[in-house]
Amino acid sequence: MSMTGKRQVLRMCLTEEAYRERKWGPFPSLRKALEDKQIPGTYYGPTTAHDNMFDAMDRLMHLAVLVEAYESDIKETAISAGREEMCRDLHKLEEALEDASYFFRGAEDRVRSLSQTLFEKE
């Protein structure tokens, strides 16, 4: 079962209220402002069959954890399957992780800026 599928099963096991509490519990003020808002459609792509950033981030996180957990297996496979091919895949993953980090750094900057703006209003 994919990680997305496991997350969907876990979510189905939680009541809707329990899921909302898990999601928003650490952020009560943000919950008041954002809980009833929808994510803009631009983050999902033009159709339901199109890849979206949430599925892409989930897959990327999954791959990053696997690479970290099974480094020795990757090295062994590279010996038998080809070092250049393995290096090419690792480089692609590195670039994808870097792109994701830019997204989160930008989000971090926007959150910091908003927080500073609110603090300055006091």
PDB file of N, CA and C in Angstrom:
ATOM      1  N   MET A   1       0.848  -1.177   0.000  1.00  0.00           N
ATOM      2  CA  MET A   1       0.000   0.000   0.000  1.00  0.00           C
ATOM      3  C   MET A   1       0.889   1.235   0.000  1.00  0.00           C
ATOM      4  N   SER A   2       0.539   2.222  -0.819  1.00  0.00           N
ATOM      5  CA  SER A   2       1.342   3.442  -0.892  1.00  0.00           C
ATOM      6  C   SER A   2       1.195   4.233   0.404  1.00  0.00           C
ATOM      7  N   MET A   3       2.149   5.173   0.592  1.00  0.00           N
ATOM      8  CA  MET A   3       2.093   6.013   1.785  1.00  0.00           C
ATOM      9  C   MET A   3       0.827   6.853   1.779  1.00  0.00           C
ATOM     10  N   THR A   4       0.427   7.347   0.610  1.00  0.00           N
ATOM     11  CA  THR A   4      -0.814   8.109   0.519  1.00  0.00           C
ATOM     12  C   THR A   4      -1.990   7.235   0.908  1.00  0.00           C
ATOM     13  N   GLY A   5      -1.991   5.992   0.441  1.00  0.00           N
ATOM     14  CA  GLY A   5      -3.053   5.059   0.807  1.00  0.00           C
ATOM     15  C   GLY A   5      -3.076   4.784   2.299  1.00  0.00           C
ATOM     16  N   LYS A   6      -1.895   4.610   2.887  1.00  0.00           N
ATOM     17  CA  LYS A   6      -1.824   4.385   4.339  1.00  0.00           C
ATOM     18  C   LYS A   6      -2.342   5.586   5.093  1.00  0.00           C
ATOM     19  N   ARG A   7      -1.989   6.777   4.611  1.00  0.00           N
ATOM     20  CA  ARG A   7      -2.461   7.985   5.278  1.00  0.00           C
ATOM     21  C   ARG A   7      -3.973   8.095   5.156  1.00  0.00           C
ATOM     22  N   GLN A   8      -4.525   7.709   3.995  1.00  0.00           N
ATOM     23  CA  GLN A   8      -5.969   7.756   3.823  1.00  0.00           C
ATOM     24  C   GLN A   8      -6.651   6.750   4.738  1.00  0.00           C
ATOM     25  N   VAL A   9      -6.065   5.554   4.897  1.00  0.00           N
ATOM     26  CA  VAL A   9      -6.634   4.558   5.804  1.00  0.00           C
ATOM     27  C   VAL A   9      -6.587   5.075   7.233  1.00  0.00           C
ATOM     28  N   LEU A  10      -5.437   5.665   7.625  1.00  0.00           N
ATOM     29  CA  LEU A  10      -5.319   6.223   8.969  1.00  0.00           C
ATOM     30  C   LEU A  10      -6.365   7.296   9.177  1.00  0.00           C
ATOM     31  N   ARG A  11      -6.529   8.158   8.177  1.00  0.00           N
ATOM     32  CA  ARG A  11      -7.513   9.226   8.293  1.00  0.00           C
ATOM     33  C   ARG A  11      -8.913   8.648   8.421  1.00  0.00           C
ATOM     34  N   MET A  12      -9.185   7.543   7.694  1.00  0.00           N
ATOM     35  CA  MET A  12     -10.504   6.925   7.795  1.00  0.00           C
ATOM     36  C   MET A  12     -10.708   6.319   9.180  1.00  0.00           C
ATOM     37  N   CYS A  13      -9.621   5.913   9.846  1.00  0.00           N
ATOM     38  CA  CYS A  13      -9.736   5.334  11.178  1.00  0.00           C
ATOM     39  C   CYS A  13     -10.007   6.407  12.225  1.00  0.00           C
ATOM     40  N   LEU A  14      -9.579   7.621  11.960  1.00  0.00           N
ATOM     41  CA  LEU A  14      -9.834   8.716  12.876  1.00  0.00           C
ATOM     42  C   LEU A  14     -11.200   9.311  12.579  1.00  0.00           C
ATOM     43  N   THR A  15     -11.854   9.780  13.608  1.00  0.00           N
ATOM     44  CA  THR A  15     -13.069  10.538  13.332  1.00  0.00           C
ATOM     45  C   THR A  15     -12.651  11.850  12.697  1.00  0.00           C
ATOM     46  N   GLU A  16     -13.575  12.498  12.026  1.00  0.00           N
ATOM     47  CA  GLU A  16     -13.261  13.790  11.397  1.00  0.00           C
ATOM     48  C   GLU A  16     -12.784  14.786  12.449  1.00  0.00           C
ATOM     49  N   GLU A  17     -13.400  14.766  13.602  1.00  0.00           N
ATOM     50  CA  GLU A  17     -12.995  15.677  14.688  1.00  0.00           C
ATOM     51  C   GLU A  17     -11.575  15.353  15.165  1.00  0.00           C
ATOM     52  N   ALA A  18     -11.245  14.082  15.294  1.00  0.00           N
ATOM     53  CA  ALA A  18      -9.894  13.696  15.725  1.00  0.00           C
ATOM     54  C   ALA A  18      -8.850  14.107  14.688  1.00  0.00           C
ATOM     55  N   TYR A  19      -9.195  13.964  13.413  1.00  0.00           N
ATOM     56  CA  TYR A  19      -8.266  14.383  12.367  1.00  0.00           C
ATOM     57  C   TYR A  19      -8.042  15.899  12.420  1.00  0.00           C
ATOM     58  N   ARG A  20      -9.121  16.652  12.551  1.00  0.00           N
ATOM     59  CA  ARG A  20      -8.985  18.119  12.639  1.00  0.00           C
ATOM     60  C   ARG A  20      -8.171  18.514  13.863  1.00  0.00           C
ATOM     61  N   GLU A  21      -8.371  17.833  14.976  1.00  0.00           N
ATOM     62  CA  GLU A  21      -7.614  18.158  16.192  1.00  0.00           C
ATOM     63  C   GLU A  21      -6.131  17.853  16.011  1.00  0.00           C
ATOM     64  N   ARG A  22      -5.827  16.746  15.358  1.00  0.00           N
ATOM     65  CA  ARG A  22      -4.420  16.398  15.102  1.00  0.00           C
ATOM     66  C   ARG A  22      -3.778  17.441  14.189  1.00  0.00           C
ATOM     67  N   LYS A  23      -4.523  17.862  13.187  1.00  0.00           N
ATOM     68  CA  LYS A  23      -3.999  18.841  12.236  1.00  0.00           C
ATOM     69  C   LYS A  23      -3.837  20.226  12.861  1.00  0.00           C
ATOM     70  N   TRP A  24      -4.833  20.691  13.572  1.00  0.00           N
ATOM     71  CA  TRP A  24      -4.851  22.070  14.049  1.00  0.00           C
ATOM     72  C   TRP A  24      -4.469  22.245  15.512  1.00  0.00           C
ATOM     73  N   GLY A  25      -4.392  21.167  16.286  1.00  0.00           N
ATOM     74  CA  GLY A  25      -4.120  21.280  17.722  1.00  0.00           C
ATOM     75  C   GLY A  25      -2.957  22.182  18.099  1.00  0.00           C
ATOM     76  N   PRO A  26      -1.804  22.053  17.425  1.00  0.00           N
ATOM     77  CA  PRO A  26      -0.670  22.911  17.794  1.00  0.00           C
ATOM     78  C   PRO A  26      -0.823  24.367  17.345  1.00  0.00           C
ATOM     79  N   PHE A  27      -1.855  24.645  16.534  1.00  0.00           N
ATOM     80  CA  PHE A  27      -1.995  25.975  15.946  1.00  0.00           C
ATOM     81  C   PHE A  27      -3.404  26.532  16.158  1.00  0.00           C
ATOM     82  N   PRO A  28      -3.817  26.785  17.398  1.00  0.00           N
ATOM     83  CA  PRO A  28      -5.209  27.179  17.648  1.00  0.00           C
ATOM     84  C   PRO A  28      -5.619  28.503  17.005  1.00  0.00           C
ATOM     85  N   SER A  29      -4.737  29.486  16.972  1.00  0.00           N
ATOM     86  CA  SER A  29      -5.095  30.767  16.353  1.00  0.00           C
ATOM     87  C   SER A  29      -5.190  30.638  14.844  1.00  0.00           C
ATOM     88  N   LEU A  30      -4.242  29.914  14.247  1.00  0.00           N
ATOM     89  CA  LEU A  30      -4.325  29.681  12.806  1.00  0.00           C
ATOM     90  C   LEU A  30      -5.579  28.897  12.457  1.00  0.00           C
ATOM     91  N   ARG A  31      -5.963  27.996  13.346  1.00  0.00           N
ATOM     92  CA  ARG A  31      -7.184  27.218  13.110  1.00  0.00           C
ATOM     93  C   ARG A  31      -8.390  28.139  12.970  1.00  0.00           C
ATOM     94  N   LYS A  32      -8.470  29.140  13.834  1.00  0.00           N
ATOM     95  CA  LYS A  32      -9.597  30.083  13.772  1.00  0.00           C
ATOM     96  C   LYS A  32      -9.630  30.822  12.444  1.00  0.00           C
ATOM     97  N   ALA A  33      -8.454  31.149  11.924  1.00  0.00           N
ATOM     98  CA  ALA A  33      -8.388  31.921  10.689  1.00  0.00           C
ATOM     99  C   ALA A  33      -8.515  31.069   9.434  1.00  0.00           C
ATOM    100  N   LEU A  34      -8.059  29.814   9.484  1.00  0.00           N
ATOM    101  CA  LEU A  34      -7.888  29.057   8.257  1.00  0.00           C
ATOM    102  C   LEU A  34      -8.690  27.768   8.121  1.00  0.00           C
ATOM    103  N   GLU A  35      -9.246  27.259   9.194  1.00  0.00           N
ATOM    104  CA  GLU A  35      -9.835  25.922   9.150  1.00  0.00           C
ATOM    105  C   GLU A  35     -10.907  25.764   8.081  1.00  0.00           C
ATOM    106  N   ASP A  36     -11.690  26.774   7.834  1.00  0.00           N
ATOM    107  CA  ASP A  36     -12.761  26.641   6.854  1.00  0.00           C
ATOM    108  C   ASP A  36     -12.351  27.048   5.439  1.00  0.00           C
ATOM    109  N   LYS A  37     -11.079  27.355   5.241  1.00  0.00           N
ATOM    110  CA  LYS A  37     -10.571  27.777   3.926  1.00  0.00           C
ATOM    111  C   LYS A  37     -10.184  26.559   3.096  1.00  0.00           C
ATOM    112  N   GLN A  38     -10.291  26.709   1.776  1.00  0.00           N
ATOM    113  CA  GLN A  38      -9.899  25.658   0.841  1.00  0.00           C
ATOM    114  C   GLN A  38      -8.538  25.989   0.242  1.00  0.00           C
ATOM    115  N   ILE A  39      -7.753  24.983  -0.052  1.00  0.00           N
ATOM    116  CA  ILE A  39      -6.481  25.176  -0.730  1.00  0.00           C
ATOM    117  C   ILE A  39      -6.777  25.609  -2.162  1.00  0.00           C
ATOM    118  N   PRO A  40      -6.090  26.655  -2.642  1.00  0.00           N
ATOM    119  CA  PRO A  40      -6.337  27.106  -4.017  1.00  0.00           C
ATOM    120  C   PRO A  40      -6.088  25.996  -5.026  1.00  0.00           C
ATOM    121  N   GLY A  41      -6.916  25.959  -6.047  1.00  0.00           N
ATOM    122  CA  GLY A  41      -6.841  24.918  -7.062  1.00  0.00           C
ATOM    123  C   GLY A  41      -5.507  24.829  -7.772  1.00  0.00           C
ATOM    124  N   THR A  42      -4.745  25.915  -7.802  1.00  0.00           N
ATOM    125  CA  THR A  42      -3.453  25.897  -8.493  1.00  0.00           C
ATOM    126  C   THR A  42      -2.486  24.896  -7.883  1.00  0.00           C
ATOM    127  N   TYR A  43      -2.693  24.514  -6.638  1.00  0.00           N
ATOM    128  CA  TYR A  43      -1.807  23.548  -5.995  1.00  0.00           C
ATOM    129  C   TYR A  43      -2.137  22.111  -6.382  1.00  0.00           C
ATOM    130  N   TYR A  44      -3.282  21.904  -7.001  1.00  0.00           N
ATOM    131  CA  TYR A  44      -3.699  20.554  -7.376  1.00  0.00           C
ATOM    132  C   TYR A  44      -3.468  20.222  -8.840  1.00  0.00           C
ATOM    133  N   GLY A  45      -3.215  21.180  -9.671  1.00  0.00           N
ATOM    134  CA  GLY A  45      -3.052  20.922 -11.097  1.00  0.00           C
ATOM    135  C   GLY A  45      -4.387  21.037 -11.801  1.00  0.00           C
ATOM    136  N   PRO A  46      -4.370  20.997 -13.143  1.00  0.00           N
ATOM    137  CA  PRO A  46      -5.589  21.266 -13.906  1.00  0.00           C
ATOM    138  C   PRO A  46      -6.649  20.172 -13.866  1.00  0.00           C
ATOM    139  N   THR A  47      -6.286  18.918 -13.592  1.00  0.00           N
ATOM    140  CA  THR A  47      -7.284  17.844 -13.544  1.00  0.00           C
ATOM    141  C   THR A  47      -6.973  16.936 -12.364  1.00  0.00           C
ATOM    142  N   THR A  48      -7.906  16.095 -12.035  1.00  0.00           N
ATOM    143  CA  THR A  48      -7.686  15.172 -10.928  1.00  0.00           C
ATOM    144  C   THR A  48      -6.630  14.134 -11.280  1.00  0.00           C
ATOM    145  N   ALA A  49      -6.442  13.851 -12.576  1.00  0.00           N
ATOM    146  CA  ALA A  49      -5.426  12.884 -12.983  1.00  0.00           C
ATOM    147  C   ALA A  49      -4.032  13.500 -12.986  1.00  0.00           C
ATOM    148  N   HIS A  50      -3.961  14.812 -12.967  1.00  0.00           N
ATOM    149  CA  HIS A  50      -2.684  15.517 -12.984  1.00  0.00           C
ATOM    150  C   HIS A  50      -2.022  15.382 -11.617  1.00  0.00           C
ATOM    151  N   ASP A  51      -0.717  15.314 -11.622  1.00  0.00           N
ATOM    152  CA  ASP A  51       0.029  15.248 -10.372  1.00  0.00           C
ATOM    153  C   ASP A  51      -0.159  16.558  -9.612  1.00  0.00           C
ATOM    154  N   ASN A  52      -0.193  16.483  -8.309  1.00  0.00           N
ATOM    155  CA  ASN A  52      -0.293  17.708  -7.528  1.00  0.00           C
ATOM    156  C   ASN A  52       0.840  17.762  -6.515  1.00  0.00           C
ATOM    157  N   MET A  53       1.049  18.939  -5.964  1.00  0.00           N
ATOM    158  CA  MET A  53       2.203  19.146  -5.086  1.00  0.00           C
ATOM    159  C   MET A  53       2.129  18.288  -3.824  1.00  0.00           C
ATOM    160  N   PHE A  54       0.957  17.955  -3.355  1.00  0.00           N
ATOM    161  CA  PHE A  54       0.841  17.180  -2.120  1.00  0.00           C
ATOM    162  C   PHE A  54       1.278  15.742  -2.343  1.00  0.00           C
ATOM    163  N   ASP A  55       0.831  15.143  -3.444  1.00  0.00           N
ATOM    164  CA  ASP A  55       1.280  13.794  -3.761  1.00  0.00           C
ATOM    165  C   ASP A  55       2.770  13.781  -4.059  1.00  0.00           C
ATOM    166  N   ALA A  56       3.240  14.801  -4.776  1.00  0.00           N
ATOM    167  CA  ALA A  56       4.668  14.875  -5.109  1.00  0.00           C
ATOM    168  C   ALA A  56       5.519  15.001  -3.844  1.00  0.00           C
ATOM    169  N   MET A  57       5.103  15.832  -2.904  1.00  0.00           N
ATOM    170  CA  MET A  57       5.852  15.992  -1.643  1.00  0.00           C
ATOM    171  C   MET A  57       5.839  14.699  -0.836  1.00  0.00           C
ATOM    172  N   ASP A  58       4.718  14.013  -0.844  1.00  0.00           N
ATOM    173  CA  ASP A  58       4.600  12.746  -0.124  1.00  0.00           C
ATOM    174  C   ASP A  58       5.585  11.724  -0.705  1.00  0.00           C
ATOM    175  N   ARG A  59       5.607  11.613  -2.033  1.00  0.00           N
ATOM    176  CA  ARG A  59       6.533  10.673  -2.669  1.00  0.00           C
ATOM    177  C   ARG A  59       7.985  11.071  -2.408  1.00  0.00           C
ATOM    178  N   LEU A  60       8.259  12.350  -2.478  1.00  0.00           N
ATOM    179  CA  LEU A  60       9.615  12.834  -2.265  1.00  0.00           C
ATOM    180  C   LEU A  60      10.089  12.542  -0.837  1.00  0.00           C
ATOM    181  N   MET A  61       9.232  12.788   0.136  1.00  0.00           N
ATOM    182  CA  MET A  61       9.574  12.496   1.527  1.00  0.00           C
ATOM    183  C   MET A  61       9.807  10.993   1.707  1.00  0.00           C
ATOM    184  N   HIS A  62       8.976  10.192   1.102  1.00  0.00           N
ATOM    185  CA  HIS A  62       9.100   8.737   1.180  1.00  0.00           C
ATOM    186  C   HIS A  62      10.454   8.289   0.617  1.00  0.00           C
ATOM    187  N   LEU A  63      10.812   8.808  -0.564  1.00  0.00           N
ATOM    188  CA  LEU A  63      12.101   8.454  -1.172  1.00  0.00           C
ATOM    189  C   LEU A  63      13.275   8.909  -0.319  1.00  0.00           C
ATOM    190  N   ALA A  64      13.199  10.115   0.222  1.00  0.00           N
ATOM    191  CA  ALA A  64      14.292  10.635   1.054  1.00  0.00           C
ATOM    192  C   ALA A  64      14.517   9.752   2.275  1.00  0.00           C
ATOM    193  N   VAL A  65      13.445   9.304   2.894  1.00  0.00           N
ATOM    194  CA  VAL A  65      13.565   8.424   4.062  1.00  0.00           C
ATOM    195  C   VAL A  65      14.157   7.082   3.653  1.00  0.00           C
ATOM    196  N   LEU A  66      13.706   6.531   2.533  1.00  0.00           N
ATOM    197  CA  LEU A  66      14.250   5.251   2.073  1.00  0.00           C
ATOM    198  C   LEU A  66      15.743   5.355   1.769  1.00  0.00           C
ATOM    199  N   VAL A  67      16.154   6.434   1.111  1.00  0.00           N
ATOM    200  CA  VAL A  67      17.574   6.613   0.790  1.00  0.00           C
ATOM    201  C   VAL A  67      18.395   6.687   2.069  1.00  0.00           C
ATOM    202  N   GLU A  68      17.896   7.421   3.049  1.00  0.00           N
ATOM    203  CA  GLU A  68      18.634   7.543   4.306  1.00  0.00           C
ATOM    204  C   GLU A  68      18.692   6.203   5.047  1.00  0.00           C
ATOM    205  N   ALA A  69      17.606   5.469   5.028  1.00  0.00           N
ATOM    206  CA  ALA A  69      17.537   4.217   5.782  1.00  0.00           C
ATOM    207  C   ALA A  69      18.302   3.073   5.124  1.00  0.00           C
ATOM    208  N   TYR A  70      18.438   3.106   3.807  1.00  0.00           N
ATOM    209  CA  TYR A  70      19.005   1.967   3.092  1.00  0.00           C
ATOM    210  C   TYR A  70      20.202   2.349   2.223  1.00  0.00           C
ATOM    211  N   GLU A  71      21.061   3.173   2.761  1.00  0.00           N
ATOM    212  CA  GLU A  71      22.244   3.632   2.029  1.00  0.00           C
ATOM    213  C   GLU A  71      23.118   2.462   1.569  1.00  0.00           C
ATOM    214  N   SER A  72      23.313   1.480   2.429  1.00  0.00           N
ATOM    215  CA  SER A  72      24.173   0.356   2.060  1.00  0.00           C
ATOM    216  C   SER A  72      23.564  -0.449   0.907  1.00  0.00           C
ATOM    217  N   ASP A  73      22.246  -0.604   0.889  1.00  0.00           N
ATOM    218  CA  ASP A  73      21.592  -1.312  -0.219  1.00  0.00           C
ATOM    219  C   ASP A  73      21.755  -0.547  -1.536  1.00  0.00           C
ATOM    220  N   ILE A  74      21.709   0.761  -1.452  1.00  0.00           N
ATOM    221  CA  ILE A  74      21.899   1.581  -2.648  1.00  0.00           C
ATOM    222  C   ILE A  74      23.311   1.384  -3.186  1.00  0.00           C
ATOM    223  N   LYS A  75      24.288   1.373  -2.292  1.00  0.00           N
ATOM    224  CA  LYS A  75      25.682   1.176  -2.718  1.00  0.00           C
ATOM    225  C   LYS A  75      25.871  -0.202  -3.348  1.00  0.00           C
ATOM    226  N   GLU A  76      25.286  -1.223  -2.752  1.00  0.00           N
ATOM    227  CA  GLU A  76      25.385  -2.579  -3.305  1.00  0.00           C
ATOM    228  C   GLU A  76      24.724  -2.672  -4.677  1.00  0.00           C
ATOM    229  N   THR A  77      23.551  -2.084  -4.804  1.00  0.00           N
ATOM    230  CA  THR A  77      22.840  -2.114  -6.080  1.00  0.00           C
ATOM    231  C   THR A  77      23.615  -1.345  -7.149  1.00  0.00           C
ATOM    232  N   ALA A  78      24.252  -0.253  -6.760  1.00  0.00           N
ATOM    233  CA  ALA A  78      25.027   0.538  -7.720  1.00  0.00           C
ATOM    234  C   ALA A  78      26.180  -0.268  -8.298  1.00  0.00           C
ATOM    235  N   ILE A  79      26.749  -1.138  -7.495  1.00  0.00           N
ATOM    236  CA  ILE A  79      27.857  -1.967  -7.973  1.00  0.00           C
ATOM    237  C   ILE A  79      27.365  -2.923  -9.060  1.00  0.00           C
ATOM    238  N   SER A  80      26.206  -3.532  -8.831  1.00  0.00           N
ATOM    239  CA  SER A  80      25.703  -4.507  -9.801  1.00  0.00           C
ATOM    240  C   SER A  80      24.890  -3.876 -10.931  1.00  0.00           C
ATOM    241  N   ALA A  81      24.170  -2.815 -10.650  1.00  0.00           N
ATOM    242  CA  ALA A  81      23.272  -2.237 -11.653  1.00  0.00           C
ATOM    243  C   ALA A  81      23.887  -1.064 -12.410  1.00  0.00           C
ATOM    244  N   GLY A  82      24.931  -0.502 -11.876  1.00  0.00           N
ATOM    245  CA  GLY A  82      25.577   0.611 -12.559  1.00  0.00           C
ATOM    246  C   GLY A  82      25.666   1.855 -11.697  1.00  0.00           C
ATOM    247  N   ARG A  83      26.887   2.283 -11.475  1.00  0.00           N
ATOM    248  CA  ARG A  83      27.113   3.461 -10.633  1.00  0.00           C
ATOM    249  C   ARG A  83      26.580   4.738 -11.287  1.00  0.00           C
ATOM    250  N   GLU A  84      26.799   4.866 -12.604  1.00  0.00           N
ATOM    251  CA  GLU A  84      26.353   6.083 -13.288  1.00  0.00           C
ATOM    252  C   GLU A  84      24.844   6.245 -13.209  1.00  0.00           C
ATOM    253  N   GLU A  85      24.127   5.154 -13.414  1.00  0.00           N
ATOM    254  CA  GLU A  85      22.669   5.211 -13.346  1.00  0.00           C
ATOM    255  C   GLU A  85      22.207   5.580 -11.943  1.00  0.00           C
ATOM    256  N   MET A  86      22.837   4.973 -10.938  1.00  0.00           N
ATOM    257  CA  MET A  86      22.463   5.268  -9.557  1.00  0.00           C
ATOM    258  C   MET A  86      22.787   6.719  -9.229  1.00  0.00           C
ATOM    259  N   CYS A  87      23.945   7.179  -9.655  1.00  0.00           N
ATOM    260  CA  CYS A  87      24.319   8.577  -9.406  1.00  0.00           C
ATOM    261  C   CYS A  87      23.344   9.527 -10.091  1.00  0.00           C
ATOM    262  N   ARG A  88      22.904   9.178 -11.291  1.00  0.00           N
ATOM    263  CA  ARG A  88      21.941  10.014 -12.015  1.00  0.00           C
ATOM    264  C   ARG A  88      20.632  10.111 -11.231  1.00  0.00           C
ATOM    265  N   ASP A  89      20.146   8.966 -10.742  1.00  0.00           N
ATOM    266  CA  ASP A  89      18.904   8.983  -9.956  1.00  0.00           C
ATOM    267  C   ASP A  89      19.077   9.768  -8.658  1.00  0.00           C
ATOM    268  N   LEU A  90      20.195   9.565  -7.992  1.00  0.00           N
ATOM    269  CA  LEU A  90      20.438  10.302  -6.741  1.00  0.00           C
ATOM    270  C   LEU A  90      20.527  11.799  -6.995  1.00  0.00           C
ATOM    271  N   HIS A  91      21.128  12.174  -8.106  1.00  0.00           N
ATOM    272  CA  HIS A  91      21.220  13.597  -8.444  1.00  0.00           C
ATOM    273  C   HIS A  91      19.828  14.180  -8.712  1.00  0.00           C
ATOM    274  N   LYS A  92      18.978  13.428  -9.410  1.00  0.00           N
ATOM    275  CA  LYS A  92      17.602  13.879  -9.649  1.00  0.00           C
ATOM    276  C   LYS A  92      16.858  14.063  -8.327  1.00  0.00           C
ATOM    277  N   LEU A  93      17.049  13.110  -7.415  1.00  0.00           N
ATOM    278  CA  LEU A  93      16.402  13.207  -6.112  1.00  0.00           C
ATOM    279  C   LEU A  93      16.937  14.415  -5.344  1.00  0.00           C
ATOM    280  N   GLU A  94      18.242  14.610  -5.405  1.00  0.00           N
ATOM    281  CA  GLU A  94      18.850  15.772  -4.745  1.00  0.00           C
ATOM    282  C   GLU A  94      18.234  17.072  -5.266  1.00  0.00           C
ATOM    283  N   GLU A  95      18.083  17.181  -6.585  1.00  0.00           N
ATOM    284  CA  GLU A  95      17.494  18.384  -7.169  1.00  0.00           C
ATOM    285  C   GLU A  95      16.036  18.565  -6.743  1.00  0.00           C
ATOM    286  N   ALA A  96      15.298  17.468  -6.699  1.00  0.00           N
ATOM    287  CA  ALA A  96      13.895  17.544  -6.277  1.00  0.00           C
ATOM    288  C   ALA A  96      13.791  17.979  -4.818  1.00  0.00           C
ATOM    289  N   LEU A  97      14.681  17.456  -3.978  1.00  0.00           N
ATOM    290  CA  LEU A  97      14.689  17.861  -2.567  1.00  0.00           C
ATOM    291  C   LEU A  97      15.058  19.336  -2.427  1.00  0.00           C
ATOM    292  N   GLU A  98      16.009  19.779  -3.248  1.00  0.00           N
ATOM    293  CA  GLU A  98      16.397  21.188  -3.224  1.00  0.00           C
ATOM    294  C   GLU A  98      15.224  22.076  -3.637  1.00  0.00           C
ATOM    295  N   ASP A  99      14.505  21.680  -4.688  1.00  0.00           N
ATOM    296  CA  ASP A  99      13.328  22.442  -5.120  1.00  0.00           C
ATOM    297  C   ASP A  99      12.281  22.506  -4.012  1.00  0.00           C
ATOM    298  N   ALA A 100      12.060  21.384  -3.342  1.00  0.00           N
ATOM    299  CA  ALA A 100      11.094  21.359  -2.237  1.00  0.00           C
ATOM    300  C   ALA A 100      11.557  22.265  -1.103  1.00  0.00           C
ATOM    301  N   SER A 101      12.857  22.261  -0.836  1.00  0.00           N
ATOM    302  CA  SER A 101      13.364  23.110   0.248  1.00  0.00           C
ATOM    303  C   SER A 101      13.163  24.585  -0.082  1.00  0.00           C
ATOM    304  N   TYR A 102      13.263  24.963  -1.375  1.00  0.00           N
ATOM    305  CA  TYR A 102      12.989  26.348  -1.763  1.00  0.00           C
ATOM    306  C   TYR A 102      11.543  26.711  -1.462  1.00  0.00           C
ATOM    307  N   PHE A 103      10.639  25.776  -1.718  1.00  0.00           N
ATOM    308  CA  PHE A 103       9.234  26.032  -1.415  1.00  0.00           C
ATOM    309  C   PHE A 103       9.059  26.291   0.078  1.00  0.00           C
ATOM    310  N   PHE A 104       9.652  25.428   0.909  1.00  0.00           N
ATOM    311  CA  PHE A 104       9.495  25.586   2.356  1.00  0.00           C
ATOM    312  C   PHE A 104      10.238  26.806   2.884  1.00  0.00           C
ATOM    313  N   ARG A 105      11.389  27.134   2.303  1.00  0.00           N
ATOM    314  CA  ARG A 105      12.092  28.360   2.726  1.00  0.00           C
ATOM    315  C   ARG A 105      11.253  29.589   2.390  1.00  0.00           C
ATOM    316  N   GLY A 106      10.642  29.579   1.216  1.00  0.00           N
ATOM    317  CA  GLY A 106       9.771  30.690   0.847  1.00  0.00           C
ATOM    318  C   GLY A 106       8.579  30.790   1.781  1.00  0.00           C
ATOM    319  N   ALA A 107       7.997  29.639   2.099  1.00  0.00           N
ATOM    320  CA  ALA A 107       6.866  29.621   3.035  1.00  0.00           C
ATOM    321  C   ALA A 107       7.312  30.108   4.408  1.00  0.00           C
ATOM    322  N   GLU A 108       8.490  29.676   4.841  1.00  0.00           N
ATOM    323  CA  GLU A 108       9.029  30.121   6.125  1.00  0.00           C
ATOM    324  C   GLU A 108       9.200  31.638   6.132  1.00  0.00           C
ATOM    325  N   ASP A 109       9.731  32.192   5.055  1.00  0.00           N
ATOM    326  CA  ASP A 109       9.915  33.644   4.962  1.00  0.00           C
ATOM    327  C   ASP A 109       8.578  34.379   5.025  1.00  0.00           C
ATOM    328  N   ARG A 110       7.573  33.851   4.318  1.00  0.00           N
ATOM    329  CA  ARG A 110       6.257  34.492   4.323  1.00  0.00           C
ATOM    330  C   ARG A 110       5.614  34.421   5.706  1.00  0.00           C
ATOM    331  N   VAL A 111       5.773  33.300   6.394  1.00  0.00           N
ATOM    332  CA  VAL A 111       5.219  33.160   7.750  1.00  0.00           C
ATOM    333  C   VAL A 111       5.933  34.121   8.701  1.00  0.00           C
ATOM    334  N   ARG A 112       7.256  34.189   8.603  1.00  0.00           N
ATOM    335  CA  ARG A 112       8.028  35.100   9.454  1.00  0.00           C
ATOM    336  C   ARG A 112       7.608  36.550   9.214  1.00  0.00           C
ATOM    337  N   SER A 113       7.466  36.912   7.947  1.00  0.00           N
ATOM    338  CA  SER A 113       7.067  38.271   7.597  1.00  0.00           C
ATOM    339  C   SER A 113       5.680  38.605   8.146  1.00  0.00           C
ATOM    340  N   LEU A 114       4.756  37.668   8.017  1.00  0.00           N
ATOM    341  CA  LEU A 114       3.416  37.881   8.552  1.00  0.00           C
ATOM    342  C   LEU A 114       3.454  38.033  10.062  1.00  0.00           C
ATOM    343  N   SER A 115       4.230  37.172  10.717  1.00  0.00           N
ATOM    344  CA  SER A 115       4.356  37.244  12.176  1.00  0.00           C
ATOM    345  C   SER A 115       4.936  38.589  12.603  1.00  0.00           C
ATOM    346  N   GLN A 116       5.980  39.048  11.904  1.00  0.00           N
ATOM    347  CA  GLN A 116       6.596  40.339  12.241  1.00  0.00           C
ATOM    348  C   GLN A 116       5.621  41.478  12.009  1.00  0.00           C
ATOM    349  N   THR A 117       4.838  41.400  10.923  1.00  0.00           N
ATOM    350  CA  THR A 117       3.845  42.425  10.643  1.00  0.00           C
ATOM    351  C   THR A 117       2.816  42.497  11.764  1.00  0.00           C
ATOM    352  N   LEU A 118       2.356  41.340  12.226  1.00  0.00           N
ATOM    353  CA  LEU A 118       1.384  41.315  13.317  1.00  0.00           C
ATOM    354  C   LEU A 118       1.997  41.817  14.612  1.00  0.00           C
ATOM    355  N   PHE A 119       3.242  41.465  14.860  1.00  0.00           N
ATOM    356  CA  PHE A 119       3.922  41.911  16.090  1.00  0.00           C
ATOM    357  C   PHE A 119       4.104  43.419  16.090  1.00  0.00           C
ATOM    358  N   GLU A 120       4.428  44.000  14.934  1.00  0.00           N
ATOM    359  CA  GLU A 120       4.656  45.441  14.828  1.00  0.00           C
ATOM    360  C   GLU A 120       3.370  46.228  15.032  1.00  0.00           C
ATOM    361  N   LYS A 121       2.217  45.618  14.782  1.00  0.00           N
ATOM    362  CA  LYS A 121       0.926  46.303  14.927  1.00  0.00           C
ATOM    363  C   LYS A 121       0.556  46.506  16.386  1.00  0.00           C
ATOM    364  N   GLU A 122       1.218  45.790  17.291  1.00  0.00           N
ATOM    365  CA  GLU A 122       0.864  45.875  18.726  1.00  0.00           C
ATOM    366  C   GLU A 122       1.356  47.134  19.345  1.00  0.00           C
TER     367      GLU A 122
END
